[in-house]
Amino acid sequence: MAWYVVTYDINKTSPGGQSAFLAEAGNLGWTTWCPTADENGGQTLLRLPSATLMGQFPSLTMANEAFNDAVEKTRAVTKGRQIVGKYLLIAKRAAILHSDETP
């Protein structure tokens, strides 16, 4: 399975839907943490920037379906509010992540 990264815009709603969206996305394989190799050959988790998720899926199509399912499930939880305005979903190849947050 490959890693996919999605960055998205959250629409302003009252009450806000970001926490509900993150919970639904997490249930479908998305996370706010990025595993990275450290200087000792181990692995460190770094927090992704806000409104960014990553996950492992068999294909880009399945990653897109999981993201859209999270949007739809959040819409149900928030009683129909449109939470995500737009998004960009890409396959992770090589990347540099700078984060000041680890678990």
PDB file of N, CA and C in Angstrom:
ATOM      1  N   MET A   1       0.842  -1.183   0.000  1.00  0.00           N
ATOM      2  CA  MET A   1       0.000   0.000   0.000  1.00  0.00           C
ATOM      3  C   MET A   1       0.882   1.240   0.000  1.00  0.00           C
ATOM      4  N   ALA A   2       0.385   2.267  -0.621  1.00  0.00           N
ATOM      5  CA  ALA A   2       1.122   3.529  -0.727  1.00  0.00           C
ATOM      6  C   ALA A   2       0.563   4.557   0.253  1.00  0.00           C
ATOM      7  N   TRP A   3       1.403   5.542   0.562  1.00  0.00           N
ATOM      8  CA  TRP A   3       0.974   6.662   1.397  1.00  0.00           C
ATOM      9  C   TRP A   3       0.385   7.754   0.527  1.00  0.00           C
ATOM     10  N   TYR A   4      -0.687   8.367   0.999  1.00  0.00           N
ATOM     11  CA  TYR A   4      -1.335   9.480   0.314  1.00  0.00           C
ATOM     12  C   TYR A   4      -1.472  10.635   1.291  1.00  0.00           C
ATOM     13  N   VAL A   5      -1.368  11.838   0.761  1.00  0.00           N
ATOM     14  CA  VAL A   5      -1.479  13.057   1.560  1.00  0.00           C
ATOM     15  C   VAL A   5      -2.613  13.889   0.982  1.00  0.00           C
ATOM     16  N   VAL A   6      -3.440  14.417   1.871  1.00  0.00           N
ATOM     17  CA  VAL A   6      -4.522  15.298   1.436  1.00  0.00           C
ATOM     18  C   VAL A   6      -4.462  16.579   2.256  1.00  0.00           C
ATOM     19  N   THR A   7      -4.586  17.688   1.582  1.00  0.00           N
ATOM     20  CA  THR A   7      -4.697  18.985   2.239  1.00  0.00           C
ATOM     21  C   THR A   7      -6.040  19.572   1.818  1.00  0.00           C
ATOM     22  N   TYR A   8      -6.714  20.229   2.740  1.00  0.00           N
ATOM     23  CA  TYR A   8      -8.092  20.631   2.490  1.00  0.00           C
ATOM     24  C   TYR A   8      -8.410  21.939   3.194  1.00  0.00           C
ATOM     25  N   ASP A   9      -9.469  22.585   2.740  1.00  0.00           N
ATOM     26  CA  ASP A   9      -9.998  23.771   3.398  1.00  0.00           C
ATOM     27  C   ASP A   9     -11.233  23.374   4.194  1.00  0.00           C
ATOM     28  N   ILE A  10     -11.296  23.832   5.416  1.00  0.00           N
ATOM     29  CA  ILE A  10     -12.469  23.620   6.261  1.00  0.00           C
ATOM     30  C   ILE A  10     -13.339  24.865   6.172  1.00  0.00           C
ATOM     31  N   ASN A  11     -14.590  24.678   5.856  1.00  0.00           N
ATOM     32  CA  ASN A  11     -15.528  25.804   5.825  1.00  0.00           C
ATOM     33  C   ASN A  11     -15.860  26.229   7.246  1.00  0.00           C
ATOM     34  N   LYS A  12     -16.057  27.507   7.440  1.00  0.00           N
ATOM     35  CA  LYS A  12     -16.450  28.007   8.760  1.00  0.00           C
ATOM     36  C   LYS A  12     -17.924  27.692   8.981  1.00  0.00           C
ATOM     37  N   THR A  13     -18.184  26.952  10.022  1.00  0.00           N
ATOM     38  CA  THR A  13     -19.551  26.627  10.398  1.00  0.00           C
ATOM     39  C   THR A  13     -19.690  26.892  11.889  1.00  0.00           C
ATOM     40  N   SER A  14     -20.898  26.982  12.343  1.00  0.00           N
ATOM     41  CA  SER A  14     -21.146  27.157  13.759  1.00  0.00           C
ATOM     42  C   SER A  14     -22.118  26.082  14.212  1.00  0.00           C
ATOM     43  N   PRO A  15     -21.712  25.169  15.062  1.00  0.00           N
ATOM     44  CA  PRO A  15     -20.371  25.026  15.612  1.00  0.00           C
ATOM     45  C   PRO A  15     -19.403  24.483  14.552  1.00  0.00           C
ATOM     46  N   GLY A  16     -18.116  24.631  14.801  1.00  0.00           N
ATOM     47  CA  GLY A  16     -17.096  24.166  13.864  1.00  0.00           C
ATOM     48  C   GLY A  16     -17.131  22.658  13.700  1.00  0.00           C
ATOM     49  N   GLY A  17     -16.749  22.187  12.524  1.00  0.00           N
ATOM     50  CA  GLY A  17     -16.807  20.756  12.235  1.00  0.00           C
ATOM     51  C   GLY A  17     -15.469  20.064  12.163  1.00  0.00           C
ATOM     52  N   GLN A  18     -14.366  20.776  12.449  1.00  0.00           N
ATOM     53  CA  GLN A  18     -13.041  20.183  12.297  1.00  0.00           C
ATOM     54  C   GLN A  18     -12.849  18.964  13.189  1.00  0.00           C
ATOM     55  N   SER A  19     -13.228  19.028  14.448  1.00  0.00           N
ATOM     56  CA  SER A  19     -12.998  17.880  15.338  1.00  0.00           C
ATOM     57  C   SER A  19     -13.836  16.682  14.912  1.00  0.00           C
ATOM     58  N   ALA A  20     -15.072  16.916  14.479  1.00  0.00           N
ATOM     59  CA  ALA A  20     -15.905  15.812  13.985  1.00  0.00           C
ATOM     60  C   ALA A  20     -15.294  15.214  12.723  1.00  0.00           C
ATOM     61  N   PHE A  21     -14.784  16.073  11.845  1.00  0.00           N
ATOM     62  CA  PHE A  21     -14.174  15.588  10.614  1.00  0.00           C
ATOM     63  C   PHE A  21     -12.931  14.755  10.914  1.00  0.00           C
ATOM     64  N   LEU A  22     -12.083  15.223  11.812  1.00  0.00           N
ATOM     65  CA  LEU A  22     -10.872  14.475  12.153  1.00  0.00           C
ATOM     66  C   LEU A  22     -11.208  13.112  12.749  1.00  0.00           C
ATOM     67  N   ALA A  23     -12.245  13.051  13.559  1.00  0.00           N
ATOM     68  CA  ALA A  23     -12.661  11.765  14.135  1.00  0.00           C
ATOM     69  C   ALA A  23     -13.130  10.810  13.040  1.00  0.00           C
ATOM     70  N   GLU A  24     -13.951  11.296  12.137  1.00  0.00           N
ATOM     71  CA  GLU A  24     -14.451  10.443  11.047  1.00  0.00           C
ATOM     72  C   GLU A  24     -13.314  10.019  10.118  1.00  0.00           C
ATOM     73  N   ALA A  25     -12.414  10.944   9.788  1.00  0.00           N
ATOM     74  CA  ALA A  25     -11.285  10.619   8.913  1.00  0.00           C
ATOM     75  C   ALA A  25     -10.373   9.587   9.584  1.00  0.00           C
ATOM     76  N   GLY A  26     -10.148   9.747  10.876  1.00  0.00           N
ATOM     77  CA  GLY A  26      -9.322   8.789  11.615  1.00  0.00           C
ATOM     78  C   GLY A  26      -9.903   7.391  11.589  1.00  0.00           C
ATOM     79  N   ASN A  27     -11.213   7.283  11.646  1.00  0.00           N
ATOM     80  CA  ASN A  27     -11.881   5.976  11.584  1.00  0.00           C
ATOM     81  C   ASN A  27     -11.721   5.314  10.223  1.00  0.00           C
ATOM     82  N   LEU A  28     -11.383   6.102   9.212  1.00  0.00           N
ATOM     83  CA  LEU A  28     -11.276   5.585   7.844  1.00  0.00           C
ATOM     84  C   LEU A  28      -9.830   5.489   7.352  1.00  0.00           C
ATOM     85  N   GLY A  29      -8.869   5.601   8.264  1.00  0.00           N
ATOM     86  CA  GLY A  29      -7.473   5.373   7.896  1.00  0.00           C
ATOM     87  C   GLY A  29      -6.607   6.598   7.747  1.00  0.00           C
ATOM     88  N   TRP A  30      -7.150   7.778   7.974  1.00  0.00           N
ATOM     89  CA  TRP A  30      -6.379   9.015   7.872  1.00  0.00           C
ATOM     90  C   TRP A  30      -5.801   9.381   9.224  1.00  0.00           C
ATOM     91  N   THR A  31      -4.650  10.060   9.243  1.00  0.00           N
ATOM     92  CA  THR A  31      -4.012  10.479  10.488  1.00  0.00           C
ATOM     93  C   THR A  31      -3.402  11.869  10.329  1.00  0.00           C
ATOM     94  N   THR A  32      -3.186  12.534  11.443  1.00  0.00           N
ATOM     95  CA  THR A  32      -2.536  13.847  11.450  1.00  0.00           C
ATOM     96  C   THR A  32      -1.041  13.714  11.736  1.00  0.00           C
ATOM     97  N   TRP A  33      -0.530  12.497  11.777  1.00  0.00           N
ATOM     98  CA  TRP A  33       0.874  12.228  12.089  1.00  0.00           C
ATOM     99  C   TRP A  33       1.581  11.615  10.886  1.00  0.00           C
ATOM    100  N   CYS A  34       2.845  11.997  10.688  1.00  0.00           N
ATOM    101  CA  CYS A  34       3.656  11.483   9.584  1.00  0.00           C
ATOM    102  C   CYS A  34       4.840  10.703  10.151  1.00  0.00           C
ATOM    103  N   PRO A  35       4.964   9.417   9.812  1.00  0.00           N
ATOM    104  CA  PRO A  35       6.145   8.672  10.251  1.00  0.00           C
ATOM    105  C   PRO A  35       7.357   9.088   9.409  1.00  0.00           C
ATOM    106  N   THR A  36       8.452   9.433  10.071  1.00  0.00           N
ATOM    107  CA  THR A  36       9.673   9.839   9.377  1.00  0.00           C
ATOM    108  C   THR A  36      10.867   9.124   9.995  1.00  0.00           C
ATOM    109  N   ALA A  37      11.886   8.893   9.191  1.00  0.00           N
ATOM    110  CA  ALA A  37      13.109   8.260   9.692  1.00  0.00           C
ATOM    111  C   ALA A  37      13.922   9.302  10.453  1.00  0.00           C
ATOM    112  N   ASP A  38      14.450   8.894  11.603  1.00  0.00           N
ATOM    113  CA  ASP A  38      15.311   9.813  12.347  1.00  0.00           C
ATOM    114  C   ASP A  38      16.781   9.522  12.035  1.00  0.00           C
ATOM    115  N   GLU A  39      17.684  10.282  12.607  1.00  0.00           N
ATOM    116  CA  GLU A  39      19.105  10.157  12.282  1.00  0.00           C
ATOM    117  C   GLU A  39      19.712   8.838  12.754  1.00  0.00           C
ATOM    118  N   ASN A  40      19.052   8.125  13.660  1.00  0.00           N
ATOM    119  CA  ASN A  40      19.556   6.848  14.171  1.00  0.00           C
ATOM    120  C   ASN A  40      18.947   5.646  13.446  1.00  0.00           C
ATOM    121  N   GLY A  41      18.193   5.885  12.390  1.00  0.00           N
ATOM    122  CA  GLY A  41      17.568   4.794  11.649  1.00  0.00           C
ATOM    123  C   GLY A  41      16.237   4.359  12.232  1.00  0.00           C
ATOM    124  N   GLY A  42      15.809   5.015  13.293  1.00  0.00           N
ATOM    125  CA  GLY A  42      14.506   4.705  13.886  1.00  0.00           C
ATOM    126  C   GLY A  42      13.411   5.506  13.209  1.00  0.00           C
ATOM    127  N   GLN A  43      12.252   5.457  13.796  1.00  0.00           N
ATOM    128  CA  GLN A  43      11.119   6.183  13.233  1.00  0.00           C
ATOM    129  C   GLN A  43      10.557   7.156  14.260  1.00  0.00           C
ATOM    130  N   THR A  44      10.250   8.353  13.805  1.00  0.00           N
ATOM    131  CA  THR A  44       9.653   9.381  14.634  1.00  0.00           C
ATOM    132  C   THR A  44       8.359   9.828  13.979  1.00  0.00           C
ATOM    133  N   LEU A  45       7.365  10.121  14.787  1.00  0.00           N
ATOM    134  CA  LEU A  45       6.127  10.683  14.273  1.00  0.00           C
ATOM    135  C   LEU A  45       6.177  12.194  14.409  1.00  0.00           C
ATOM    136  N   LEU A  46       5.818  12.883  13.328  1.00  0.00           N
ATOM    137  CA  LEU A  46       5.743  14.340  13.345  1.00  0.00           C
ATOM    138  C   LEU A  46       4.331  14.760  12.989  1.00  0.00           C
ATOM    139  N   ARG A  47       3.833  15.778  13.660  1.00  0.00           N
ATOM    140  CA  ARG A  47       2.490  16.299  13.397  1.00  0.00           C
ATOM    141  C   ARG A  47       2.495  17.024  12.052  1.00  0.00           C
ATOM    142  N   LEU A  48       1.522  16.713  11.235  1.00  0.00           N
ATOM    143  CA  LEU A  48       1.350  17.396   9.956  1.00  0.00           C
ATOM    144  C   LEU A  48       0.791  18.799  10.184  1.00  0.00           C
ATOM    145  N   PRO A  49       0.959  19.703   9.213  1.00  0.00           N
ATOM    146  CA  PRO A  49       0.331  21.021   9.324  1.00  0.00           C
ATOM    147  C   PRO A  49      -1.192  20.884   9.435  1.00  0.00           C
ATOM    148  N   SER A  50      -1.832  21.899   9.980  1.00  0.00           N
ATOM    149  CA  SER A  50      -3.287  21.836  10.123  1.00  0.00           C
ATOM    150  C   SER A  50      -3.940  21.660   8.757  1.00  0.00           C
ATOM    151  N   ALA A  51      -5.078  21.036   8.740  1.00  0.00           N
ATOM    152  CA  ALA A  51      -5.849  20.753   7.525  1.00  0.00           C
ATOM    153  C   ALA A  51      -5.060  19.898   6.537  1.00  0.00           C
ATOM    154  N   THR A  52      -4.240  18.989   7.076  1.00  0.00           N
ATOM    155  CA  THR A  52      -3.495  18.026   6.269  1.00  0.00           C
ATOM    156  C   THR A  52      -3.590  16.668   6.945  1.00  0.00           C
ATOM    157  N   LEU A  53      -3.829  15.648   6.148  1.00  0.00           N
ATOM    158  CA  LEU A  53      -3.906  14.276   6.646  1.00  0.00           C
ATOM    159  C   LEU A  53      -3.074  13.376   5.746  1.00  0.00           C
ATOM    160  N   MET A  54      -2.695  12.222   6.259  1.00  0.00           N
ATOM    161  CA  MET A  54      -2.094  11.208   5.401  1.00  0.00           C
ATOM    162  C   MET A  54      -2.592   9.846   5.823  1.00  0.00           C
ATOM    163  N   GLY A  55      -2.521   8.911   4.898  1.00  0.00           N
ATOM    164  CA  GLY A  55      -2.962   7.551   5.177  1.00  0.00           C
ATOM    165  C   GLY A  55      -2.426   6.597   4.140  1.00  0.00           C
ATOM    166  N   GLN A  56      -2.449   5.311   4.480  1.00  0.00           N
ATOM    167  CA  GLN A  56      -2.021   4.258   3.561  1.00  0.00           C
ATOM    168  C   GLN A  56      -3.248   3.598   2.958  1.00  0.00           C
ATOM    169  N   PHE A  57      -3.273   3.547   1.628  1.00  0.00           N
ATOM    170  CA  PHE A  57      -4.396   2.956   0.911  1.00  0.00           C
ATOM    171  C   PHE A  57      -3.871   2.189  -0.294  1.00  0.00           C
ATOM    172  N   PRO A  58      -4.637   1.218  -0.787  1.00  0.00           N
ATOM    173  CA  PRO A  58      -4.198   0.437  -1.942  1.00  0.00           C
ATOM    174  C   PRO A  58      -4.081   1.247  -3.238  1.00  0.00           C
ATOM    175  N   SER A  59      -4.818   2.350  -3.355  1.00  0.00           N
ATOM    176  CA  SER A  59      -4.781   3.139  -4.588  1.00  0.00           C
ATOM    177  C   SER A  59      -5.241   4.567  -4.307  1.00  0.00           C
ATOM    178  N   LEU A  60      -4.956   5.447  -5.256  1.00  0.00           N
ATOM    179  CA  LEU A  60      -5.412   6.828  -5.162  1.00  0.00           C
ATOM    180  C   LEU A  60      -6.938   6.879  -5.119  1.00  0.00           C
ATOM    181  N   THR A  61      -7.572   6.040  -5.903  1.00  0.00           N
ATOM    182  CA  THR A  61      -9.036   5.997  -5.926  1.00  0.00           C
ATOM    183  C   THR A  61      -9.592   5.630  -4.550  1.00  0.00           C
ATOM    184  N   MET A  62      -8.973   4.650  -3.901  1.00  0.00           N
ATOM    185  CA  MET A  62      -9.457   4.239  -2.576  1.00  0.00           C
ATOM    186  C   MET A  62      -9.175   5.311  -1.522  1.00  0.00           C
ATOM    187  N   ALA A  63      -8.060   6.026  -1.652  1.00  0.00           N
ATOM    188  CA  ALA A  63      -7.784   7.140  -0.744  1.00  0.00           C
ATOM    189  C   ALA A  63      -8.838   8.223  -0.926  1.00  0.00           C
ATOM    190  N   ASN A  64      -9.190   8.518  -2.168  1.00  0.00           N
ATOM    191  CA  ASN A  64     -10.213   9.518  -2.454  1.00  0.00           C
ATOM    192  C   ASN A  64     -11.565   9.092  -1.884  1.00  0.00           C
ATOM    193  N   GLU A  65     -11.900   7.821  -2.041  1.00  0.00           N
ATOM    194  CA  GLU A  65     -13.161   7.314  -1.485  1.00  0.00           C
ATOM    195  C   GLU A  65     -13.178   7.439   0.036  1.00  0.00           C
ATOM    196  N   ALA A  66     -12.058   7.121   0.690  1.00  0.00           N
ATOM    197  CA  ALA A  66     -11.994   7.224   2.154  1.00  0.00           C
ATOM    198  C   ALA A  66     -12.132   8.673   2.604  1.00  0.00           C
ATOM    199  N   PHE A  67     -11.504   9.591   1.879  1.00  0.00           N
ATOM    200  CA  PHE A  67     -11.624  11.002   2.234  1.00  0.00           C
ATOM    201  C   PHE A  67     -13.065  11.478   2.052  1.00  0.00           C
ATOM    202  N   ASN A  68     -13.658  11.157   0.917  1.00  0.00           N
ATOM    203  CA  ASN A  68     -15.045  11.568   0.659  1.00  0.00           C
ATOM    204  C   ASN A  68     -16.022  10.918   1.628  1.00  0.00           C
ATOM    205  N   ASP A  69     -15.758   9.671   2.027  1.00  0.00           N
ATOM    206  CA  ASP A  69     -16.594   9.027   3.045  1.00  0.00           C
ATOM    207  C   ASP A  69     -16.514   9.787   4.364  1.00  0.00           C
ATOM    208  N   ALA A  70     -15.313  10.250   4.733  1.00  0.00           N
ATOM    209  CA  ALA A  70     -15.164  11.038   5.968  1.00  0.00           C
ATOM    210  C   ALA A  70     -15.961  12.331   5.866  1.00  0.00           C
ATOM    211  N   VAL A  71     -15.933  12.966   4.695  1.00  0.00           N
ATOM    212  CA  VAL A  71     -16.706  14.199   4.489  1.00  0.00           C
ATOM    213  C   VAL A  71     -18.198  13.904   4.652  1.00  0.00           C
ATOM    214  N   GLU A  72     -18.676  12.841   4.023  1.00  0.00           N
ATOM    215  CA  GLU A  72     -20.101  12.502   4.099  1.00  0.00           C
ATOM    216  C   GLU A  72     -20.520  12.117   5.517  1.00  0.00           C
ATOM    217  N   LYS A  73     -19.701  11.336   6.204  1.00  0.00           N
ATOM    218  CA  LYS A  73     -20.026  10.940   7.586  1.00  0.00           C
ATOM    219  C   LYS A  73     -20.036  12.164   8.501  1.00  0.00           C
ATOM    220  N   THR A  74     -19.143  13.104   8.268  1.00  0.00           N
ATOM    221  CA  THR A  74     -19.132  14.340   9.055  1.00  0.00           C
ATOM    222  C   THR A  74     -20.381  15.152   8.767  1.00  0.00           C
ATOM    223  N   ARG A  75     -20.787  15.174   7.525  1.00  0.00           N
ATOM    224  CA  ARG A  75     -22.008  15.893   7.150  1.00  0.00           C
ATOM    225  C   ARG A  75     -23.207  15.310   7.912  1.00  0.00           C
ATOM    226  N   ALA A  76     -23.248  14.002   8.064  1.00  0.00           N
ATOM    227  CA  ALA A  76     -24.337  13.368   8.807  1.00  0.00           C
ATOM    228  C   ALA A  76     -24.276  13.737  10.292  1.00  0.00           C
ATOM    229  N   VAL A  77     -23.060  13.735  10.850  1.00  0.00           N
ATOM    230  CA  VAL A  77     -22.887  14.061  12.276  1.00  0.00           C
ATOM    231  C   VAL A  77     -23.228  15.516  12.555  1.00  0.00           C
ATOM    232  N   THR A  78     -22.896  16.397  11.625  1.00  0.00           N
ATOM    233  CA  THR A  78     -23.115  17.828  11.829  1.00  0.00           C
ATOM    234  C   THR A  78     -24.445  18.298  11.225  1.00  0.00           C
ATOM    235  N   LYS A  79     -25.307  17.358  10.923  1.00  0.00           N
ATOM    236  CA  LYS A  79     -26.652  17.659  10.420  1.00  0.00           C
ATOM    237  C   LYS A  79     -26.644  18.460   9.113  1.00  0.00           C
ATOM    238  N   GLY A  80     -25.811  17.988   8.170  1.00  0.00           N
ATOM    239  CA  GLY A  80     -25.850  18.517   6.824  1.00  0.00           C
ATOM    240  C   GLY A  80     -24.914  19.656   6.503  1.00  0.00           C
ATOM    241  N   ARG A  81     -24.116  20.105   7.465  1.00  0.00           N
ATOM    242  CA  ARG A  81     -23.202  21.217   7.161  1.00  0.00           C
ATOM    243  C   ARG A  81     -22.109  20.771   6.192  1.00  0.00           C
ATOM    244  N   GLN A  82     -21.797  21.625   5.242  1.00  0.00           N
ATOM    245  CA  GLN A  82     -20.692  21.373   4.307  1.00  0.00           C
ATOM    246  C   GLN A  82     -19.399  21.749   5.015  1.00  0.00           C
ATOM    247  N   ILE A  83     -18.584  20.782   5.368  1.00  0.00           N
ATOM    248  CA  ILE A  83     -17.389  21.025   6.162  1.00  0.00           C
ATOM    249  C   ILE A  83     -16.162  21.306   5.290  1.00  0.00           C
ATOM    250  N   VAL A  84     -15.952  20.508   4.252  1.00  0.00           N
ATOM    251  CA  VAL A  84     -14.776  20.648   3.397  1.00  0.00           C
ATOM    252  C   VAL A  84     -15.151  21.383   2.129  1.00  0.00           C
ATOM    253  N   GLY A  85     -14.424  22.471   1.838  1.00  0.00           N
ATOM    254  CA  GLY A  85     -14.700  23.257   0.641  1.00  0.00           C
ATOM    255  C   GLY A  85     -13.967  22.723  -0.568  1.00  0.00           C
ATOM    256  N   LYS A  86     -12.661  22.500  -0.436  1.00  0.00           N
ATOM    257  CA  LYS A  86     -11.861  21.962  -1.529  1.00  0.00           C
ATOM    258  C   LYS A  86     -10.706  21.180  -0.928  1.00  0.00           C
ATOM    259  N   TYR A  87     -10.099  20.327  -1.765  1.00  0.00           N
ATOM    260  CA  TYR A  87      -8.978  19.526  -1.274  1.00  0.00           C
ATOM    261  C   TYR A  87      -8.054  19.130  -2.417  1.00  0.00           C
ATOM    262  N   LEU A  88      -6.823  18.775  -2.048  1.00  0.00           N
ATOM    263  CA  LEU A  88      -5.829  18.253  -2.970  1.00  0.00           C
ATOM    264  C   LEU A  88      -5.319  16.954  -2.383  1.00  0.00           C
ATOM    265  N   LEU A  89      -5.428  15.879  -3.137  1.00  0.00           N
ATOM    266  CA  LEU A  89      -5.005  14.552  -2.703  1.00  0.00           C
ATOM    267  C   LEU A  89      -3.891  14.084  -3.635  1.00  0.00           C
ATOM    268  N   ILE A  90      -2.743  13.732  -3.057  1.00  0.00           N
ATOM    269  CA  ILE A  90      -1.606  13.311  -3.862  1.00  0.00           C
ATOM    270  C   ILE A  90      -0.951  12.072  -3.253  1.00  0.00           C
ATOM    271  N   ALA A  91      -0.259  11.317  -4.102  1.00  0.00           N
ATOM    272  CA  ALA A  91       0.538  10.192  -3.623  1.00  0.00           C
ATOM    273  C   ALA A  91       1.842  10.743  -3.061  1.00  0.00           C
ATOM    274  N   LYS A  92       2.231  10.272  -1.884  1.00  0.00           N
ATOM    275  CA  LYS A  92       3.479  10.730  -1.255  1.00  0.00           C
ATOM    276  C   LYS A  92       4.634   9.985  -1.903  1.00  0.00           C
ATOM    277  N   ARG A  93       5.554  10.711  -2.438  1.00  0.00           N
ATOM    278  CA  ARG A  93       6.772  10.136  -2.997  1.00  0.00           C
ATOM    279  C   ARG A  93       7.910  10.516  -2.060  1.00  0.00           C
ATOM    280  N   ALA A  94       8.568  11.574  -2.368  1.00  0.00           N
ATOM    281  CA  ALA A  94       9.600  12.106  -1.492  1.00  0.00           C
ATOM    282  C   ALA A  94       9.057  13.391  -0.894  1.00  0.00           C
ATOM    283  N   ALA A  95       9.386  13.645   0.342  1.00  0.00           N
ATOM    284  CA  ALA A  95       8.845  14.833   1.001  1.00  0.00           C
ATOM    285  C   ALA A  95       9.778  15.296   2.106  1.00  0.00           C
ATOM    286  N   ILE A  96       9.670  16.548   2.420  1.00  0.00           N
ATOM    287  CA  ILE A  96      10.346  17.118   3.585  1.00  0.00           C
ATOM    288  C   ILE A  96       9.262  17.684   4.481  1.00  0.00           C
ATOM    289  N   LEU A  97       9.262  17.285   5.715  1.00  0.00           N
ATOM    290  CA  LEU A  97       8.293  17.795   6.687  1.00  0.00           C
ATOM    291  C   LEU A  97       9.057  18.400   7.846  1.00  0.00           C
ATOM    292  N   HIS A  98       8.794  19.636   8.133  1.00  0.00           N
ATOM    293  CA  HIS A  98       9.325  20.278   9.331  1.00  0.00           C
ATOM    294  C   HIS A  98       8.158  20.441  10.288  1.00  0.00           C
ATOM    295  N   SER A  99       8.296  19.900  11.479  1.00  0.00           N
ATOM    296  CA  SER A  99       7.240  20.000  12.489  1.00  0.00           C
ATOM    297  C   SER A  99       7.879  20.184  13.844  1.00  0.00           C
ATOM    298  N   ASP A 100       7.262  21.005  14.673  1.00  0.00           N
ATOM    299  CA  ASP A 100       7.762  21.208  16.031  1.00  0.00           C
ATOM    300  C   ASP A 100       6.983  20.375  17.040  1.00  0.00           C
ATOM    301  N   GLU A 101       6.252  19.372  16.549  1.00  0.00           N
ATOM    302  CA  GLU A 101       5.398  18.594  17.438  1.00  0.00           C
ATOM    303  C   GLU A 101       5.573  17.102  17.196  1.00  0.00           C
ATOM    304  N   THR A 102       5.858  16.364  18.265  1.00  0.00           N
ATOM    305  CA  THR A 102       5.932  14.892  18.241  1.00  0.00           C
ATOM    306  C   THR A 102       5.037  14.376  19.346  1.00  0.00           C
ATOM    307  N   PRO A 103       4.643  13.112  19.281  1.00  0.00           N
ATOM    308  CA  PRO A 103       3.767  12.603  20.346  1.00  0.00           C
ATOM    309  C   PRO A 103       4.493  12.435  21.674  1.00  0.00           C
TER     310      PRO A 103
END
